[in-house]
Structure formats: structure tokens, C-alpha cells
Amino acid sequence: MNIDQKTYTNLDGNTVIVLKPTERLDITTAWQFRLKLQECISKLSRHVVVNLGQVNFIDSSGLTSLVAGMRDADKAKGSFLICNIHPEAKLVFEVTMMDTVFEIFETEAEALERLFPNLVKNE
């Protein structure tokens, strides 16, 4: 699984990490994504946005990794937002009612704006 990672910082020095996994978030890849979330939240920033625009399949393992990431961010008094859910994966969120559990945004820009207005990309 390939996971693109971007870092943004606002004028106050607060940082948010945007993770953009690709292809599938399932039993074969969820553990890797879970480890990446843990690393980001514990070492880089307690604020995370997950862009699911390139993930066309999510199973229960994938949803579990997202819930675990949300809990980790909560424990760190951070934020965990999801954006740009791929149309083929959106149904899973609706059927499981996870769309009521997560803060979900249409675009990455909307999610970032919700966290910190006036962010600057670090890379």
C-alpha cells in the first residue's frame, strides 16, 4: 500500500498531517495503515486528515483502522477528519453508519479549513 503524506502548519505553529492511501483499505493493508496513523499521531501531529479519494474498497478491517486512528487522535486531544471518500467506498460508510461517527468532508481543502484556517503546505 502506498500512502502519500503531506504536512501543513498554520501561523500559530500547529501542524496537521494529511494521509492519502491508495487502492484498497482491507485486511491485507489495514495493519500497515494503522501503524502509519499511530506513528503520525504519536510523533508528528495529533491532527490528521485522511483523504480517501484513491481508496476504492474498504472492508471492516479498514474501518477498524480508521476508528483506531480517531481514538488515538482523541486521546491526544487532536482531530481526525476524513475527506474525499471514493464513490465506490462511500456505501460502506453509509451502510455501517460510520458516516455519522466520523467528521467527513467533501474535499481536502474543506477539512483543512475546518481545522486551521490559513494553513501553509510545508513541502
PDB file of N, CA and C in Angstrom:
ATOM      1  N   MET A   1       0.842  -1.180   0.000  1.00  0.00           N
ATOM      2  CA  MET A   1       0.000   0.000   0.000  1.00  0.00           C
ATOM      3  C   MET A   1       0.888   1.244   0.000  1.00  0.00           C
ATOM      4  N   ASN A   2       0.576   2.163  -0.879  1.00  0.00           N
ATOM      5  CA  ASN A   2       1.275   3.434  -0.934  1.00  0.00           C
ATOM      6  C   ASN A   2       0.456   4.463  -0.159  1.00  0.00           C
ATOM      7  N   ILE A   3       1.120   5.238   0.706  1.00  0.00           N
ATOM      8  CA  ILE A   3       0.447   6.262   1.493  1.00  0.00           C
ATOM      9  C   ILE A   3       1.182   7.583   1.306  1.00  0.00           C
ATOM     10  N   ASP A   4       0.558   8.490   0.580  1.00  0.00           N
ATOM     11  CA  ASP A   4       1.121   9.821   0.391  1.00  0.00           C
ATOM     12  C   ASP A   4       0.920  10.608   1.684  1.00  0.00           C
ATOM     13  N   GLN A   5       1.919  11.374   2.073  1.00  0.00           N
ATOM     14  CA  GLN A   5       1.856  12.140   3.322  1.00  0.00           C
ATOM     15  C   GLN A   5       2.272  13.576   3.068  1.00  0.00           C
ATOM     16  N   LYS A   6       1.429  14.518   3.528  1.00  0.00           N
ATOM     17  CA  LYS A   6       1.740  15.938   3.420  1.00  0.00           C
ATOM     18  C   LYS A   6       1.621  16.558   4.810  1.00  0.00           C
ATOM     19  N   THR A   7       2.406  17.584   5.050  1.00  0.00           N
ATOM     20  CA  THR A   7       2.371  18.287   6.325  1.00  0.00           C
ATOM     21  C   THR A   7       2.042  19.751   6.083  1.00  0.00           C
ATOM     22  N   TYR A   8       1.126  20.275   6.882  1.00  0.00           N
ATOM     23  CA  TYR A   8       0.763  21.686   6.820  1.00  0.00           C
ATOM     24  C   TYR A   8       0.932  22.290   8.210  1.00  0.00           C
ATOM     25  N   THR A   9       1.306  23.572   8.258  1.00  0.00           N
ATOM     26  CA  THR A   9       1.459  24.269   9.528  1.00  0.00           C
ATOM     27  C   THR A   9       0.753  25.621   9.432  1.00  0.00           C
ATOM     28  N   ASN A  10       0.031  25.987  10.513  1.00  0.00           N
ATOM     29  CA  ASN A  10      -0.609  27.301  10.488  1.00  0.00           C
ATOM     30  C   ASN A  10       0.313  28.344  11.106  1.00  0.00           C
ATOM     31  N   LEU A  11      -0.135  29.581  11.115  1.00  0.00           N
ATOM     32  CA  LEU A  11       0.694  30.683  11.605  1.00  0.00           C
ATOM     33  C   LEU A  11       1.044  30.551  13.078  1.00  0.00           C
ATOM     34  N   ASP A  12       0.229  29.800  13.838  1.00  0.00           N
ATOM     35  CA  ASP A  12       0.491  29.590  15.262  1.00  0.00           C
ATOM     36  C   ASP A  12       1.444  28.420  15.519  1.00  0.00           C
ATOM     37  N   GLY A  13       1.885  27.747  14.452  1.00  0.00           N
ATOM     38  CA  GLY A  13       2.794  26.620  14.610  1.00  0.00           C
ATOM     39  C   GLY A  13       2.102  25.279  14.780  1.00  0.00           C
ATOM     40  N   ASN A  14       0.771  25.244  14.691  1.00  0.00           N
ATOM     41  CA  ASN A  14       0.049  23.971  14.762  1.00  0.00           C
ATOM     42  C   ASN A  14       0.199  23.227  13.444  1.00  0.00           C
ATOM     43  N   THR A  15       0.387  21.920  13.539  1.00  0.00           N
ATOM     44  CA  THR A  15       0.637  21.099  12.368  1.00  0.00           C
ATOM     45  C   THR A  15      -0.492  20.104  12.147  1.00  0.00           C
ATOM     46  N   VAL A  16      -0.801  19.842  10.886  1.00  0.00           N
ATOM     47  CA  VAL A  16      -1.747  18.791  10.528  1.00  0.00           C
ATOM     48  C   VAL A  16      -1.093  17.923   9.449  1.00  0.00           C
ATOM     49  N   ILE A  17      -1.303  16.619   9.579  1.00  0.00           N
ATOM     50  CA  ILE A  17      -0.783  15.655   8.609  1.00  0.00           C
ATOM     51  C   ILE A  17      -1.951  15.196   7.739  1.00  0.00           C
ATOM     52  N   VAL A  18      -1.742  15.174   6.430  1.00  0.00           N
ATOM     53  CA  VAL A  18      -2.740  14.628   5.509  1.00  0.00           C
ATOM     54  C   VAL A  18      -2.179  13.327   4.962  1.00  0.00           C
ATOM     55  N   LEU A  19      -2.921  12.243   5.181  1.00  0.00           N
ATOM     56  CA  LEU A  19      -2.543  10.925   4.656  1.00  0.00           C
ATOM     57  C   LEU A  19      -3.490  10.557   3.524  1.00  0.00           C
ATOM     58  N   LYS A  20      -2.918  10.091   2.431  1.00  0.00           N
ATOM     59  CA  LYS A  20      -3.713   9.725   1.268  1.00  0.00           C
ATOM     60  C   LYS A  20      -3.317   8.310   0.817  1.00  0.00           C
ATOM     61  N   PRO A  21      -3.990   7.294   1.391  1.00  0.00           N
ATOM     62  CA  PRO A  21      -3.701   5.922   0.970  1.00  0.00           C
ATOM     63  C   PRO A  21      -4.258   5.656  -0.426  1.00  0.00           C
ATOM     64  N   THR A  22      -3.756   4.620  -1.074  1.00  0.00           N
ATOM     65  CA  THR A  22      -4.231   4.283  -2.421  1.00  0.00           C
ATOM     66  C   THR A  22      -4.784   2.864  -2.470  1.00  0.00           C
ATOM     67  N   GLU A  23      -5.656   2.659  -3.423  1.00  0.00           N
ATOM     68  CA  GLU A  23      -6.255   1.368  -3.775  1.00  0.00           C
ATOM     69  C   GLU A  23      -7.205   0.825  -2.724  1.00  0.00           C
ATOM     70  N   ARG A  24      -6.788  -0.165  -1.944  1.00  0.00           N
ATOM     71  CA  ARG A  24      -7.689  -0.851  -1.022  1.00  0.00           C
ATOM     72  C   ARG A  24      -7.268  -0.650   0.429  1.00  0.00           C
ATOM     73  N   LEU A  25      -8.267  -0.541   1.293  1.00  0.00           N
ATOM     74  CA  LEU A  25      -8.016  -0.499   2.730  1.00  0.00           C
ATOM     75  C   LEU A  25      -8.772  -1.705   3.292  1.00  0.00           C
ATOM     76  N   ASP A  26      -8.074  -2.836   3.288  1.00  0.00           N
ATOM     77  CA  ASP A  26      -8.721  -4.093   3.662  1.00  0.00           C
ATOM     78  C   ASP A  26      -7.828  -4.904   4.600  1.00  0.00           C
ATOM     79  N   ILE A  27      -8.168  -6.146   4.798  1.00  0.00           N
ATOM     80  CA  ILE A  27      -7.464  -6.979   5.775  1.00  0.00           C
ATOM     81  C   ILE A  27      -5.968  -7.110   5.464  1.00  0.00           C
ATOM     82  N   THR A  28      -5.594  -6.970   4.196  1.00  0.00           N
ATOM     83  CA  THR A  28      -4.181  -7.112   3.838  1.00  0.00           C
ATOM     84  C   THR A  28      -3.389  -5.816   4.008  1.00  0.00           C
ATOM     85  N   THR A  29      -4.060  -4.668   4.054  1.00  0.00           N
ATOM     86  CA  THR A  29      -3.367  -3.383   4.129  1.00  0.00           C
ATOM     87  C   THR A  29      -3.700  -2.563   5.381  1.00  0.00           C
ATOM     88  N   ALA A  30      -4.769  -2.909   6.072  1.00  0.00           N
ATOM     89  CA  ALA A  30      -5.241  -2.097   7.204  1.00  0.00           C
ATOM     90  C   ALA A  30      -4.193  -1.985   8.311  1.00  0.00           C
ATOM     91  N   TRP A  31      -3.458  -3.052   8.577  1.00  0.00           N
ATOM     92  CA  TRP A  31      -2.452  -3.019   9.645  1.00  0.00           C
ATOM     93  C   TRP A  31      -1.367  -2.002   9.325  1.00  0.00           C
ATOM     94  N   GLN A  32      -0.952  -1.950   8.050  1.00  0.00           N
ATOM     95  CA  GLN A  32       0.088  -1.009   7.626  1.00  0.00           C
ATOM     96  C   GLN A  32      -0.423   0.428   7.788  1.00  0.00           C
ATOM     97  N   PHE A  33      -1.668   0.649   7.403  1.00  0.00           N
ATOM     98  CA  PHE A  33      -2.250   1.981   7.532  1.00  0.00           C
ATOM     99  C   PHE A  33      -2.402   2.357   9.007  1.00  0.00           C
ATOM    100  N   ARG A  34      -2.789   1.395   9.809  1.00  0.00           N
ATOM    101  CA  ARG A  34      -2.948   1.616  11.254  1.00  0.00           C
ATOM    102  C   ARG A  34      -1.615   2.049  11.883  1.00  0.00           C
ATOM    103  N   LEU A  35      -0.535   1.370  11.514  1.00  0.00           N
ATOM    104  CA  LEU A  35       0.791   1.730  12.024  1.00  0.00           C
ATOM    105  C   LEU A  35       1.191   3.143  11.598  1.00  0.00           C
ATOM    106  N   LYS A  36       0.880   3.509  10.353  1.00  0.00           N
ATOM    107  CA  LYS A  36       1.188   4.839   9.850  1.00  0.00           C
ATOM    108  C   LYS A  36       0.417   5.900  10.643  1.00  0.00           C
ATOM    109  N   LEU A  37      -0.860   5.632  10.930  1.00  0.00           N
ATOM    110  CA  LEU A  37      -1.663   6.553  11.734  1.00  0.00           C
ATOM    111  C   LEU A  37      -1.063   6.724  13.131  1.00  0.00           C
ATOM    112  N   GLN A  38      -0.719   5.598  13.763  1.00  0.00           N
ATOM    113  CA  GLN A  38      -0.126   5.650  15.103  1.00  0.00           C
ATOM    114  C   GLN A  38       1.149   6.490  15.103  1.00  0.00           C
ATOM    115  N   GLU A  39       2.008   6.251  14.127  1.00  0.00           N
ATOM    116  CA  GLU A  39       3.275   6.977  14.034  1.00  0.00           C
ATOM    117  C   GLU A  39       3.025   8.478  13.859  1.00  0.00           C
ATOM    118  N   CYS A  40       2.130   8.829  12.968  1.00  0.00           N
ATOM    119  CA  CYS A  40       1.844  10.248  12.722  1.00  0.00           C
ATOM    120  C   CYS A  40       1.294  10.934  13.963  1.00  0.00           C
ATOM    121  N   ILE A  41       0.328  10.304  14.618  1.00  0.00           N
ATOM    122  CA  ILE A  41      -0.315  10.923  15.776  1.00  0.00           C
ATOM    123  C   ILE A  41       0.640  11.005  16.965  1.00  0.00           C
ATOM    124  N   SER A  42       1.455   9.985  17.178  1.00  0.00           N
ATOM    125  CA  SER A  42       2.339   9.989  18.344  1.00  0.00           C
ATOM    126  C   SER A  42       3.612  10.813  18.133  1.00  0.00           C
ATOM    127  N   LYS A  43       4.078  10.932  16.876  1.00  0.00           N
ATOM    128  CA  LYS A  43       5.371  11.586  16.657  1.00  0.00           C
ATOM    129  C   LYS A  43       5.312  12.902  15.880  1.00  0.00           C
ATOM    130  N   LEU A  44       4.308  13.069  15.031  1.00  0.00           N
ATOM    131  CA  LEU A  44       4.312  14.235  14.146  1.00  0.00           C
ATOM    132  C   LEU A  44       3.244  15.270  14.483  1.00  0.00           C
ATOM    133  N   SER A  45       2.008  14.846  14.585  1.00  0.00           N
ATOM    134  CA  SER A  45       0.917  15.777  14.863  1.00  0.00           C
ATOM    135  C   SER A  45      -0.289  15.015  15.385  1.00  0.00           C
ATOM    136  N   ARG A  46      -0.987  15.621  16.315  1.00  0.00           N
ATOM    137  CA  ARG A  46      -2.210  14.994  16.839  1.00  0.00           C
ATOM    138  C   ARG A  46      -3.409  15.302  15.954  1.00  0.00           C
ATOM    139  N   HIS A  47      -3.178  16.070  14.885  1.00  0.00           N
ATOM    140  CA  HIS A  47      -4.236  16.424  13.946  1.00  0.00           C
ATOM    141  C   HIS A  47      -3.991  15.715  12.618  1.00  0.00           C
ATOM    142  N   VAL A  48      -4.958  14.903  12.189  1.00  0.00           N
ATOM    143  CA  VAL A  48      -4.801  14.112  10.976  1.00  0.00           C
ATOM    144  C   VAL A  48      -6.038  14.249  10.089  1.00  0.00           C
ATOM    145  N   VAL A  49      -5.791  14.381   8.792  1.00  0.00           N
ATOM    146  CA  VAL A  49      -6.846  14.316   7.780  1.00  0.00           C
ATOM    147  C   VAL A  49      -6.522  13.118   6.899  1.00  0.00           C
ATOM    148  N   VAL A  50      -7.507  12.246   6.697  1.00  0.00           N
ATOM    149  CA  VAL A  50      -7.328  11.088   5.821  1.00  0.00           C
ATOM    150  C   VAL A  50      -8.128  11.337   4.549  1.00  0.00           C
ATOM    151  N   ASN A  51      -7.421  11.415   3.430  1.00  0.00           N
ATOM    152  CA  ASN A  51      -8.043  11.634   2.128  1.00  0.00           C
ATOM    153  C   ASN A  51      -8.232  10.271   1.468  1.00  0.00           C
ATOM    154  N   LEU A  52      -9.491   9.858   1.309  1.00  0.00           N
ATOM    155  CA  LEU A  52      -9.797   8.529   0.771  1.00  0.00           C
ATOM    156  C   LEU A  52     -10.179   8.556  -0.711  1.00  0.00           C
ATOM    157  N   GLY A  53      -9.763   9.589  -1.413  1.00  0.00           N
ATOM    158  CA  GLY A  53     -10.117   9.742  -2.812  1.00  0.00           C
ATOM    159  C   GLY A  53      -9.586   8.648  -3.727  1.00  0.00           C
ATOM    160  N   GLN A  54      -8.505   7.979  -3.339  1.00  0.00           N
ATOM    161  CA  GLN A  54      -7.921   6.928  -4.179  1.00  0.00           C
ATOM    162  C   GLN A  54      -8.124   5.532  -3.600  1.00  0.00           C
ATOM    163  N   VAL A  55      -8.983   5.427  -2.583  1.00  0.00           N
ATOM    164  CA  VAL A  55      -9.274   4.119  -1.977  1.00  0.00           C
ATOM    165  C   VAL A  55     -10.647   3.669  -2.479  1.00  0.00           C
ATOM    166  N   ASN A  56     -10.640   2.697  -3.382  1.00  0.00           N
ATOM    167  CA  ASN A  56     -11.910   2.279  -3.981  1.00  0.00           C
ATOM    168  C   ASN A  56     -12.572   1.104  -3.264  1.00  0.00           C
ATOM    169  N   PHE A  57     -11.928   0.572  -2.225  1.00  0.00           N
ATOM    170  CA  PHE A  57     -12.523  -0.533  -1.468  1.00  0.00           C
ATOM    171  C   PHE A  57     -12.094  -0.451  -0.012  1.00  0.00           C
ATOM    172  N   ILE A  58     -13.066  -0.544   0.880  1.00  0.00           N
ATOM    173  CA  ILE A  58     -12.800  -0.577   2.317  1.00  0.00           C
ATOM    174  C   ILE A  58     -13.616  -1.708   2.921  1.00  0.00           C
ATOM    175  N   ASP A  59     -12.965  -2.559   3.731  1.00  0.00           N
ATOM    176  CA  ASP A  59     -13.706  -3.597   4.449  1.00  0.00           C
ATOM    177  C   ASP A  59     -13.705  -3.270   5.940  1.00  0.00           C
ATOM    178  N   SER A  60     -14.177  -4.200   6.754  1.00  0.00           N
ATOM    179  CA  SER A  60     -14.285  -3.942   8.199  1.00  0.00           C
ATOM    180  C   SER A  60     -12.923  -3.698   8.839  1.00  0.00           C
ATOM    181  N   SER A  61     -11.878  -4.338   8.334  1.00  0.00           N
ATOM    182  CA  SER A  61     -10.524  -4.099   8.857  1.00  0.00           C
ATOM    183  C   SER A  61     -10.086  -2.667   8.579  1.00  0.00           C
ATOM    184  N   GLY A  62     -10.409  -2.179   7.402  1.00  0.00           N
ATOM    185  CA  GLY A  62     -10.086  -0.807   7.045  1.00  0.00           C
ATOM    186  C   GLY A  62     -10.831   0.187   7.922  1.00  0.00           C
ATOM    187  N   LEU A  63     -12.122  -0.084   8.144  1.00  0.00           N
ATOM    188  CA  LEU A  63     -12.907   0.788   9.027  1.00  0.00           C
ATOM    189  C   LEU A  63     -12.349   0.759  10.449  1.00  0.00           C
ATOM    190  N   THR A  64     -11.933  -0.414  10.901  1.00  0.00           N
ATOM    191  CA  THR A  64     -11.359  -0.548  12.243  1.00  0.00           C
ATOM    192  C   THR A  64     -10.093   0.289  12.382  1.00  0.00           C
ATOM    193  N   SER A  65      -9.252   0.299  11.343  1.00  0.00           N
ATOM    194  CA  SER A  65      -8.026   1.110  11.409  1.00  0.00           C
ATOM    195  C   SER A  65      -8.365   2.594  11.483  1.00  0.00           C
ATOM    196  N   LEU A  66      -9.415   3.020  10.798  1.00  0.00           N
ATOM    197  CA  LEU A  66      -9.837   4.421  10.858  1.00  0.00           C
ATOM    198  C   LEU A  66     -10.383   4.774  12.243  1.00  0.00           C
ATOM    199  N   VAL A  67     -11.192   3.872  12.818  1.00  0.00           N
ATOM    200  CA  VAL A  67     -11.728   4.105  14.167  1.00  0.00           C
ATOM    201  C   VAL A  67     -10.586   4.191  15.178  1.00  0.00           C
ATOM    202  N   ALA A  68      -9.607   3.294  15.048  1.00  0.00           N
ATOM    203  CA  ALA A  68      -8.464   3.308  15.964  1.00  0.00           C
ATOM    204  C   ALA A  68      -7.687   4.618  15.841  1.00  0.00           C
ATOM    205  N   GLY A  69      -7.515   5.107  14.628  1.00  0.00           N
ATOM    206  CA  GLY A  69      -6.844   6.381  14.420  1.00  0.00           C
ATOM    207  C   GLY A  69      -7.610   7.530  15.054  1.00  0.00           C
ATOM    208  N   MET A  70      -8.922   7.494  14.915  1.00  0.00           N
ATOM    209  CA  MET A  70      -9.758   8.528  15.524  1.00  0.00           C
ATOM    210  C   MET A  70      -9.623   8.496  17.045  1.00  0.00           C
ATOM    211  N   ARG A  71      -9.596   7.313  17.622  1.00  0.00           N
ATOM    212  CA  ARG A  71      -9.432   7.182  19.080  1.00  0.00           C
ATOM    213  C   ARG A  71      -8.064   7.682  19.535  1.00  0.00           C
ATOM    214  N   ASP A  72      -7.026   7.354  18.777  1.00  0.00           N
ATOM    215  CA  ASP A  72      -5.677   7.840  19.112  1.00  0.00           C
ATOM    216  C   ASP A  72      -5.624   9.362  19.085  1.00  0.00           C
ATOM    217  N   ALA A  73      -6.218   9.963  18.068  1.00  0.00           N
ATOM    218  CA  ALA A  73      -6.231  11.425  17.969  1.00  0.00           C
ATOM    219  C   ALA A  73      -7.036  12.027  19.121  1.00  0.00           C
ATOM    220  N   ASP A  74      -8.135  11.376  19.468  1.00  0.00           N
ATOM    221  CA  ASP A  74      -8.959  11.822  20.604  1.00  0.00           C
ATOM    222  C   ASP A  74      -8.158  11.816  21.904  1.00  0.00           C
ATOM    223  N   LYS A  75      -7.441  10.717  22.130  1.00  0.00           N
ATOM    224  CA  LYS A  75      -6.628  10.589  23.351  1.00  0.00           C
ATOM    225  C   LYS A  75      -5.563  11.670  23.421  1.00  0.00           C
ATOM    226  N   ALA A  76      -5.055  12.054  22.260  1.00  0.00           N
ATOM    227  CA  ALA A  76      -4.014  13.087  22.193  1.00  0.00           C
ATOM    228  C   ALA A  76      -4.622  14.494  22.153  1.00  0.00           C
ATOM    229  N   LYS A  77      -5.937  14.552  22.319  1.00  0.00           N
ATOM    230  CA  LYS A  77      -6.674  15.822  22.243  1.00  0.00           C
ATOM    231  C   LYS A  77      -6.462  16.495  20.889  1.00  0.00           C
ATOM    232  N   GLY A  78      -6.493  15.673  19.845  1.00  0.00           N
ATOM    233  CA  GLY A  78      -6.308  16.166  18.489  1.00  0.00           C
ATOM    234  C   GLY A  78      -7.580  16.061  17.672  1.00  0.00           C
ATOM    235  N   SER A  79      -7.411  16.010  16.368  1.00  0.00           N
ATOM    236  CA  SER A  79      -8.522  15.950  15.428  1.00  0.00           C
ATOM    237  C   SER A  79      -8.274  14.842  14.426  1.00  0.00           C
ATOM    238  N   PHE A  80      -9.365  14.218  13.989  1.00  0.00           N
ATOM    239  CA  PHE A  80      -9.271  13.167  12.990  1.00  0.00           C
ATOM    240  C   PHE A  80     -10.419  13.371  12.004  1.00  0.00           C
ATOM    241  N   LEU A  81     -10.078  13.809  10.809  1.00  0.00           N
ATOM    242  CA  LEU A  81     -11.090  14.102   9.801  1.00  0.00           C
ATOM    243  C   LEU A  81     -10.865  13.227   8.577  1.00  0.00           C
ATOM    244  N   ILE A  82     -11.956  12.926   7.898  1.00  0.00           N
ATOM    245  CA  ILE A  82     -11.897  12.150   6.661  1.00  0.00           C
ATOM    246  C   ILE A  82     -12.455  13.016   5.549  1.00  0.00           C
ATOM    247  N   CYS A  83     -11.849  12.905   4.367  1.00  0.00           N
ATOM    248  CA  CYS A  83     -12.353  13.691   3.242  1.00  0.00           C
ATOM    249  C   CYS A  83     -12.293  12.894   1.947  1.00  0.00           C
ATOM    250  N   ASN A  84     -13.051  13.406   0.977  1.00  0.00           N
ATOM    251  CA  ASN A  84     -12.951  12.933  -0.403  1.00  0.00           C
ATOM    252  C   ASN A  84     -13.140  11.419  -0.517  1.00  0.00           C
ATOM    253  N   ILE A  85     -14.162  10.881   0.124  1.00  0.00           N
ATOM    254  CA  ILE A  85     -14.377   9.423   0.071  1.00  0.00           C
ATOM    255  C   ILE A  85     -14.728   9.003  -1.355  1.00  0.00           C
ATOM    256  N   HIS A  86     -13.990   8.032  -1.848  1.00  0.00           N
ATOM    257  CA  HIS A  86     -14.198   7.494  -3.192  1.00  0.00           C
ATOM    258  C   HIS A  86     -15.645   6.999  -3.300  1.00  0.00           C
ATOM    259  N   PRO A  87     -16.327   7.281  -4.427  1.00  0.00           N
ATOM    260  CA  PRO A  87     -17.729   6.870  -4.572  1.00  0.00           C
ATOM    261  C   PRO A  87     -17.972   5.374  -4.334  1.00  0.00           C
ATOM    262  N   GLU A  88     -17.016   4.524  -4.736  1.00  0.00           N
ATOM    263  CA  GLU A  88     -17.191   3.077  -4.558  1.00  0.00           C
ATOM    264  C   GLU A  88     -17.050   2.656  -3.098  1.00  0.00           C
ATOM    265  N   ALA A  89     -16.386   3.466  -2.272  1.00  0.00           N
ATOM    266  CA  ALA A  89     -16.196   3.131  -0.858  1.00  0.00           C
ATOM    267  C   ALA A  89     -17.235   3.821   0.030  1.00  0.00           C
ATOM    268  N   LYS A  90     -17.909   4.813  -0.500  1.00  0.00           N
ATOM    269  CA  LYS A  90     -18.855   5.612   0.288  1.00  0.00           C
ATOM    270  C   LYS A  90     -19.985   4.764   0.865  1.00  0.00           C
ATOM    271  N   LEU A  91     -20.445   3.787   0.114  1.00  0.00           N
ATOM    272  CA  LEU A  91     -21.551   2.935   0.549  1.00  0.00           C
ATOM    273  C   LEU A  91     -21.231   2.222   1.863  1.00  0.00           C
ATOM    274  N   VAL A  92     -19.985   1.797   2.038  1.00  0.00           N
ATOM    275  CA  VAL A  92     -19.578   1.109   3.268  1.00  0.00           C
ATOM    276  C   VAL A  92     -19.790   2.018   4.479  1.00  0.00           C
ATOM    277  N   PHE A  93     -19.456   3.293   4.335  1.00  0.00           N
ATOM    278  CA  PHE A  93     -19.644   4.247   5.435  1.00  0.00           C
ATOM    279  C   PHE A  93     -21.129   4.427   5.745  1.00  0.00           C
ATOM    280  N   GLU A  94     -21.943   4.469   4.703  1.00  0.00           N
ATOM    281  CA  GLU A  94     -23.376   4.673   4.894  1.00  0.00           C
ATOM    282  C   GLU A  94     -24.051   3.451   5.503  1.00  0.00           C
ATOM    283  N   VAL A  95     -23.749   2.264   4.987  1.00  0.00           N
ATOM    284  CA  VAL A  95     -24.373   1.029   5.464  1.00  0.00           C
ATOM    285  C   VAL A  95     -24.011   0.742   6.920  1.00  0.00           C
ATOM    286  N   THR A  96     -22.773   1.022   7.286  1.00  0.00           N
ATOM    287  CA  THR A  96     -22.320   0.766   8.659  1.00  0.00           C
ATOM    288  C   THR A  96     -22.611   1.944   9.594  1.00  0.00           C
ATOM    289  N   MET A  97     -23.143   3.011   9.031  1.00  0.00           N
ATOM    290  CA  MET A  97     -23.446   4.251   9.751  1.00  0.00           C
ATOM    291  C   MET A  97     -22.182   4.928  10.295  1.00  0.00           C
ATOM    292  N   MET A  98     -21.053   4.583   9.727  1.00  0.00           N
ATOM    293  CA  MET A  98     -19.801   5.230  10.124  1.00  0.00           C
ATOM    294  C   MET A  98     -19.760   6.668   9.623  1.00  0.00           C
ATOM    295  N   ASP A  99     -20.627   6.998   8.665  1.00  0.00           N
ATOM    296  CA  ASP A  99     -20.693   8.386   8.212  1.00  0.00           C
ATOM    297  C   ASP A  99     -21.248   9.305   9.298  1.00  0.00           C
ATOM    298  N   THR A 100     -21.830   8.713  10.351  1.00  0.00           N
ATOM    299  CA  THR A 100     -22.302   9.511  11.484  1.00  0.00           C
ATOM    300  C   THR A 100     -21.264   9.547  12.611  1.00  0.00           C
ATOM    301  N   VAL A 101     -20.258   8.697  12.525  1.00  0.00           N
ATOM    302  CA  VAL A 101     -19.217   8.607  13.552  1.00  0.00           C
ATOM    303  C   VAL A 101     -18.059   9.559  13.245  1.00  0.00           C
ATOM    304  N   PHE A 102     -17.662   9.600  11.982  1.00  0.00           N
ATOM    305  CA  PHE A 102     -16.525  10.416  11.560  1.00  0.00           C
ATOM    306  C   PHE A 102     -16.980  11.796  11.105  1.00  0.00           C
ATOM    307  N   GLU A 103     -16.072  12.769  11.229  1.00  0.00           N
ATOM    308  CA  GLU A 103     -16.283  14.068  10.592  1.00  0.00           C
ATOM    309  C   GLU A 103     -15.780  13.907   9.168  1.00  0.00           C
ATOM    310  N   ILE A 104     -16.708  14.001   8.206  1.00  0.00           N
ATOM    311  CA  ILE A 104     -16.380  13.745   6.806  1.00  0.00           C
ATOM    312  C   ILE A 104     -16.617  15.008   5.981  1.00  0.00           C
ATOM    313  N   PHE A 105     -15.647  15.322   5.116  1.00  0.00           N
ATOM    314  CA  PHE A 105     -15.723  16.499   4.272  1.00  0.00           C
ATOM    315  C   PHE A 105     -15.601  16.086   2.812  1.00  0.00           C
ATOM    316  N   GLU A 106     -16.202  16.873   1.936  1.00  0.00           N
ATOM    317  CA  GLU A 106     -16.157  16.582   0.503  1.00  0.00           C
ATOM    318  C   GLU A 106     -14.742  16.704  -0.054  1.00  0.00           C
ATOM    319  N   THR A 107     -14.019  17.733   0.382  1.00  0.00           N
ATOM    320  CA  THR A 107     -12.691  17.975  -0.176  1.00  0.00           C
ATOM    321  C   THR A 107     -11.645  18.094   0.932  1.00  0.00           C
ATOM    322  N   GLU A 108     -10.411  17.909   0.549  1.00  0.00           N
ATOM    323  CA  GLU A 108      -9.285  18.071   1.481  1.00  0.00           C
ATOM    324  C   GLU A 108      -9.207  19.520   1.959  1.00  0.00           C
ATOM    325  N   ALA A 109      -9.436  20.445   1.052  1.00  0.00           N
ATOM    326  CA  ALA A 109      -9.378  21.867   1.405  1.00  0.00           C
ATOM    327  C   ALA A 109     -10.409  22.212   2.488  1.00  0.00           C
ATOM    328  N   GLU A 110     -11.614  21.662   2.382  1.00  0.00           N
ATOM    329  CA  GLU A 110     -12.652  21.912   3.392  1.00  0.00           C
ATOM    330  C   GLU A 110     -12.246  21.353   4.754  1.00  0.00           C
ATOM    331  N   ALA A 111     -11.660  20.168   4.756  1.00  0.00           N
ATOM    332  CA  ALA A 111     -11.224  19.552   6.014  1.00  0.00           C
ATOM    333  C   ALA A 111     -10.114  20.380   6.654  1.00  0.00           C
ATOM    334  N   LEU A 112      -9.157  20.813   5.859  1.00  0.00           N
ATOM    335  CA  LEU A 112      -8.058  21.623   6.379  1.00  0.00           C
ATOM    336  C   LEU A 112      -8.569  22.963   6.908  1.00  0.00           C
ATOM    337  N   GLU A 113      -9.499  23.558   6.190  1.00  0.00           N
ATOM    338  CA  GLU A 113     -10.072  24.836   6.610  1.00  0.00           C
ATOM    339  C   GLU A 113     -10.812  24.691   7.937  1.00  0.00           C
ATOM    340  N   ARG A 114     -11.461  23.546   8.129  1.00  0.00           N
ATOM    341  CA  ARG A 114     -12.190  23.271   9.374  1.00  0.00           C
ATOM    342  C   ARG A 114     -11.223  23.229  10.563  1.00  0.00           C
ATOM    343  N   LEU A 115     -10.049  22.637  10.346  1.00  0.00           N
ATOM    344  CA  LEU A 115      -9.068  22.535  11.411  1.00  0.00           C
ATOM    345  C   LEU A 115      -8.383  23.867  11.690  1.00  0.00           C
ATOM    346  N   PHE A 116      -7.729  24.374  10.687  1.00  0.00           N
ATOM    347  CA  PHE A 116      -6.927  25.589  10.831  1.00  0.00           C
ATOM    348  C   PHE A 116      -7.048  26.456   9.585  1.00  0.00           C
ATOM    349  N   PRO A 117      -7.728  27.556   9.686  1.00  0.00           N
ATOM    350  CA  PRO A 117      -7.736  28.489   8.538  1.00  0.00           C
ATOM    351  C   PRO A 117      -6.303  28.985   8.293  1.00  0.00           C
ATOM    352  N   ASN A 118      -6.009  29.303   7.061  1.00  0.00           N
ATOM    353  CA  ASN A 118      -4.705  29.881   6.671  1.00  0.00           C
ATOM    354  C   ASN A 118      -3.523  28.939   6.875  1.00  0.00           C
ATOM    355  N   LEU A 119      -3.681  27.688   6.469  1.00  0.00           N
ATOM    356  CA  LEU A 119      -2.558  26.746   6.555  1.00  0.00           C
ATOM    357  C   LEU A 119      -1.580  26.970   5.401  1.00  0.00           C
ATOM    358  N   VAL A 120      -0.349  26.575   5.639  1.00  0.00           N
ATOM    359  CA  VAL A 120       0.695  26.654   4.616  1.00  0.00           C
ATOM    360  C   VAL A 120       1.282  25.252   4.474  1.00  0.00           C
ATOM    361  N   LYS A 121       1.390  24.784   3.229  1.00  0.00           N
ATOM    362  CA  LYS A 121       1.988  23.470   2.998  1.00  0.00           C
ATOM    363  C   LYS A 121       3.488  23.564   3.249  1.00  0.00           C
ATOM    364  N   ASN A 122       4.039  22.592   3.994  1.00  0.00           N
ATOM    365  CA  ASN A 122       5.455  22.616   4.357  1.00  0.00           C
ATOM    366  C   ASN A 122       6.366  22.078   3.261  1.00  0.00           C
ATOM    367  N   GLU A 123       5.849  21.272   2.395  1.00  0.00           N
ATOM    368  CA  GLU A 123       6.727  20.611   1.411  1.00  0.00           C
ATOM    369  C   GLU A 123       6.734  21.331   0.088  1.00  0.00           C
TER     370      GLU A 123
END
